[in-house]
Amino acid sequence: MIKNISPREADYLLIIFEIKNNEGLPRNKDVIKKLKVSKPTASLMIKKLCDKKLITREKEYIFLTRKGLLTIFELLWRHGVIELSLDYLGLSPKEACNVSRTIELMIPFDTLVKIWEKMKKPLKCPLGFEFPNIYEVDLSKKYYICGLETLLSRKLNIHKRKLWLT
C-alpha cells in the first residue's frame, strides 16, 4: 500500500518505469528530457526517491527497487480501478483516464479495493491497457502506462503538497 508519496514523486517513478520498459536503462538526462524539467529539479527528485528506497543509482543509471516496482504496480492498479469507475459513471474513456491520473493518490486503498471487488476485479481499463492484480503481483510482467500523454503534458509543479494515504 502506497504511503507518503506525492503526485510528483509518482510521476517520476512512472516515467522511470516507462523509460526502462521502452528505451533501456533510464538515466537522469532521460528523465529530464521526458518530463521537461531542469537538471537540478530532476536531481533533487531522484535523490528523494533514492532516500525513500524506491530507486537506486549506479553511475549514471537509475534502477527501480522492489519497493519502487511494487509502488508503480499499485499506481497502475489505482489508475485502472478509478478509470473504470469513471467510465461506468458515463465519462468518456479518455476523460476517465485524465481524471484518474489527477486523483489516483487521493482515494484510500481500502476504498479502491471495495470498488474493484464490486466490479468483479477487472484487470483492463476502458482504453484497453492491462493493469496488475493488486493481490497477485507478477514483478516480471510488463505493463504499459495508461494516460502517459496526460502525465507528460501536465505541469509537474502544480502538485506541491504530499498526500498521506492509509
Protein backbone atom coordinates (compact mmCIF):
# COMPACT_ATOMS: atom_id res chain seq x y z
CA MET A 1 0.00 0.00 0.00
CA ILE A 2 1.44 3.37 -1.03
CA LYS A 3 2.35 5.65 1.85
CA ASN A 4 3.89 9.08 1.87
CA ILE A 5 4.30 9.61 -1.86
CA SER A 6 3.48 12.82 -3.65
CA PRO A 7 1.88 13.01 -7.10
CA ARG A 8 5.13 14.44 -8.38
CA GLU A 9 7.14 11.51 -7.00
CA ALA A 10 4.62 9.16 -8.62
CA ASP A 11 5.12 10.93 -11.95
CA TYR A 12 8.88 10.46 -11.75
CA LEU A 13 8.51 6.77 -10.86
CA LEU A 14 6.14 6.19 -13.77
CA ILE A 15 8.48 7.94 -16.21
CA ILE A 16 11.46 5.92 -14.97
CA PHE A 17 9.35 2.77 -15.43
CA GLU A 18 8.30 3.85 -18.93
CA ILE A 19 11.89 4.60 -19.99
CA LYS A 20 13.05 1.24 -18.59
CA ASN A 21 10.35 -0.65 -20.48
CA ASN A 22 10.74 1.10 -23.82
CA GLU A 23 14.20 2.63 -24.12
CA GLY A 24 16.53 0.67 -21.83
CA LEU A 25 18.24 1.72 -18.63
CA PRO A 26 16.99 5.15 -17.54
CA ARG A 27 19.42 7.96 -16.85
CA ASN A 28 18.94 11.36 -15.26
CA LYS A 29 19.09 13.04 -18.66
CA ASP A 30 16.32 10.76 -19.99
CA VAL A 31 14.03 11.78 -17.12
CA ILE A 32 14.87 15.46 -17.71
CA LYS A 33 14.03 15.15 -21.39
CA LYS A 34 10.74 13.28 -20.84
CA LEU A 35 9.46 15.50 -18.05
CA LYS A 36 10.91 18.74 -19.43
CA VAL A 37 12.41 19.72 -16.08
CA SER A 38 15.74 21.26 -15.17
CA LYS A 39 18.73 19.17 -14.15
CA PRO A 40 18.66 20.44 -10.52
CA THR A 41 14.93 19.69 -10.25
CA ALA A 42 15.36 16.14 -11.57
CA SER A 43 18.45 15.53 -9.43
CA LEU A 44 16.60 16.59 -6.28
CA MET A 45 13.66 14.30 -7.03
CA ILE A 46 15.95 11.38 -7.93
CA LYS A 47 17.67 11.87 -4.56
CA LYS A 48 14.30 11.88 -2.76
CA LEU A 49 13.29 8.65 -4.48
CA CYS A 50 16.65 7.10 -3.54
CA ASP A 51 16.16 8.21 0.08
CA LYS A 52 12.76 6.51 0.09
CA LYS A 53 14.40 3.37 -1.33
CA LEU A 54 12.16 3.42 -4.41
CA ILE A 55 15.13 3.59 -6.77
CA THR A 56 18.90 3.14 -6.65
CA ARG A 57 21.64 4.76 -8.71
CA GLU A 58 24.68 3.14 -10.22
CA LYS A 59 26.90 5.56 -12.08
CA GLU A 60 24.55 7.35 -14.47
CA TYR A 61 21.80 4.73 -14.43
CA ILE A 62 18.61 4.58 -12.38
CA PHE A 63 17.25 1.23 -11.17
CA LEU A 64 13.85 0.55 -9.65
CA THR A 65 13.95 -1.30 -6.35
CA ARG A 66 11.39 -3.97 -5.47
CA LYS A 67 9.63 -1.37 -3.33
CA GLY A 68 9.65 1.05 -6.28
CA LEU A 69 8.26 -1.55 -8.66
CA LEU A 70 5.51 -2.52 -6.20
CA THR A 71 4.64 1.17 -5.84
CA ILE A 72 4.41 1.55 -9.62
CA PHE A 73 2.20 -1.53 -9.89
CA GLU A 74 -0.11 -0.11 -7.25
CA LEU A 75 -0.21 3.21 -9.12
CA LEU A 76 -1.18 1.37 -12.31
CA TRP A 77 -3.84 -0.60 -10.43
CA ARG A 78 -5.24 2.54 -8.76
CA HIS A 79 -5.41 4.29 -12.10
CA GLY A 80 -7.19 1.36 -13.73
CA VAL A 81 -9.80 0.98 -10.99
CA ILE A 82 -10.63 4.69 -10.91
CA GLU A 83 -10.69 4.94 -14.70
CA LEU A 84 -13.11 2.01 -14.95
CA SER A 85 -15.34 3.53 -12.27
CA LEU A 86 -15.49 6.89 -14.03
CA ASP A 87 -16.15 5.21 -17.37
CA TYR A 88 -19.03 3.30 -15.77
CA LEU A 89 -20.41 6.62 -14.48
CA GLY A 90 -20.53 7.98 -18.04
CA LEU A 91 -17.23 9.75 -18.66
CA SER A 92 -15.58 9.01 -21.99
CA PRO A 93 -12.60 6.63 -21.68
CA LYS A 94 -10.15 9.47 -22.38
CA GLU A 95 -11.84 11.77 -19.85
CA ALA A 96 -11.88 8.99 -17.27
CA CYS A 97 -8.17 8.41 -17.88
CA ASN A 98 -7.30 12.09 -17.46
CA VAL A 99 -9.32 12.46 -14.26
CA SER A 100 -7.91 9.20 -12.88
CA ARG A 101 -4.35 10.44 -13.28
CA THR A 102 -5.29 13.51 -11.23
CA ILE A 103 -7.00 11.76 -8.30
CA GLU A 104 -5.40 8.30 -8.12
CA LEU A 105 -3.45 9.08 -4.93
CA MET A 106 -6.34 10.79 -3.16
CA ILE A 107 -8.62 7.79 -2.69
CA PRO A 108 -7.77 5.46 0.21
CA PHE A 109 -6.53 2.00 -0.72
CA ASP A 110 -9.32 0.19 1.16
CA THR A 111 -11.96 2.21 -0.70
CA LEU A 112 -10.43 1.30 -4.05
CA VAL A 113 -10.32 -2.38 -3.07
CA LYS A 114 -14.06 -2.28 -2.30
CA ILE A 115 -14.80 -0.60 -5.65
CA TRP A 116 -12.58 -3.07 -7.52
CA GLU A 117 -14.18 -6.08 -5.84
CA LYS A 118 -17.68 -4.70 -6.55
CA MET A 119 -16.69 -4.50 -10.24
CA LYS A 120 -15.58 -8.18 -10.05
CA LYS A 121 -11.83 -7.41 -10.08
CA PRO A 122 -11.29 -6.32 -13.70
CA LEU A 123 -7.71 -6.02 -14.97
CA LYS A 124 -8.13 -3.96 -18.14
CA CYS A 125 -9.00 -0.27 -18.40
CA PRO A 126 -11.54 1.20 -20.87
CA LEU A 127 -8.68 2.22 -23.17
CA GLY A 128 -7.52 -1.40 -23.34
CA PHE A 129 -4.46 -1.25 -21.08
CA GLU A 130 -3.94 -4.18 -18.75
CA PHE A 131 -3.16 -3.34 -15.13
CA PRO A 132 -1.83 -5.52 -12.29
CA ASN A 133 -3.89 -7.58 -9.92
CA ILE A 134 -3.06 -5.94 -6.60
CA TYR A 135 -3.27 -9.30 -4.79
CA GLU A 136 -1.13 -11.31 -7.22
CA VAL A 137 1.61 -9.01 -8.45
CA ASP A 138 3.92 -10.52 -11.07
CA LEU A 139 7.07 -8.37 -10.96
CA SER A 140 8.31 -9.85 -14.23
CA LYS A 141 5.23 -8.84 -16.22
CA LYS A 142 5.45 -5.82 -18.49
CA TYR A 143 2.71 -3.20 -18.19
CA TYR A 144 2.12 -0.06 -20.19
CA ILE A 145 1.16 3.25 -18.63
CA CYS A 146 -2.36 4.34 -19.47
CA GLY A 147 -2.57 8.12 -19.61
CA LEU A 148 1.13 8.63 -20.28
CA GLU A 149 0.45 11.61 -22.53
CA THR A 150 -1.53 13.23 -19.70
CA LEU A 151 1.35 12.68 -17.33
CA LEU A 152 3.84 14.16 -19.81
CA SER A 153 1.71 17.16 -20.74
CA ARG A 154 0.75 18.47 -17.32
CA LYS A 155 2.91 20.79 -15.29
CA LEU A 156 4.57 18.83 -12.52
CA ASN A 157 4.96 21.84 -10.25
CA ILE A 158 1.19 22.08 -9.57
CA HIS A 159 1.50 19.22 -7.08
CA LYS A 160 3.25 20.76 -4.08
CA ARG A 161 1.59 19.00 -1.17
CA LYS A 162 2.13 15.40 -0.17
CA LEU A 163 -0.80 13.07 0.14
CA TRP A 164 -0.77 10.74 3.11
CA LEU A 165 -2.73 7.60 2.48
CA THR A 166 -3.79 4.86 4.83
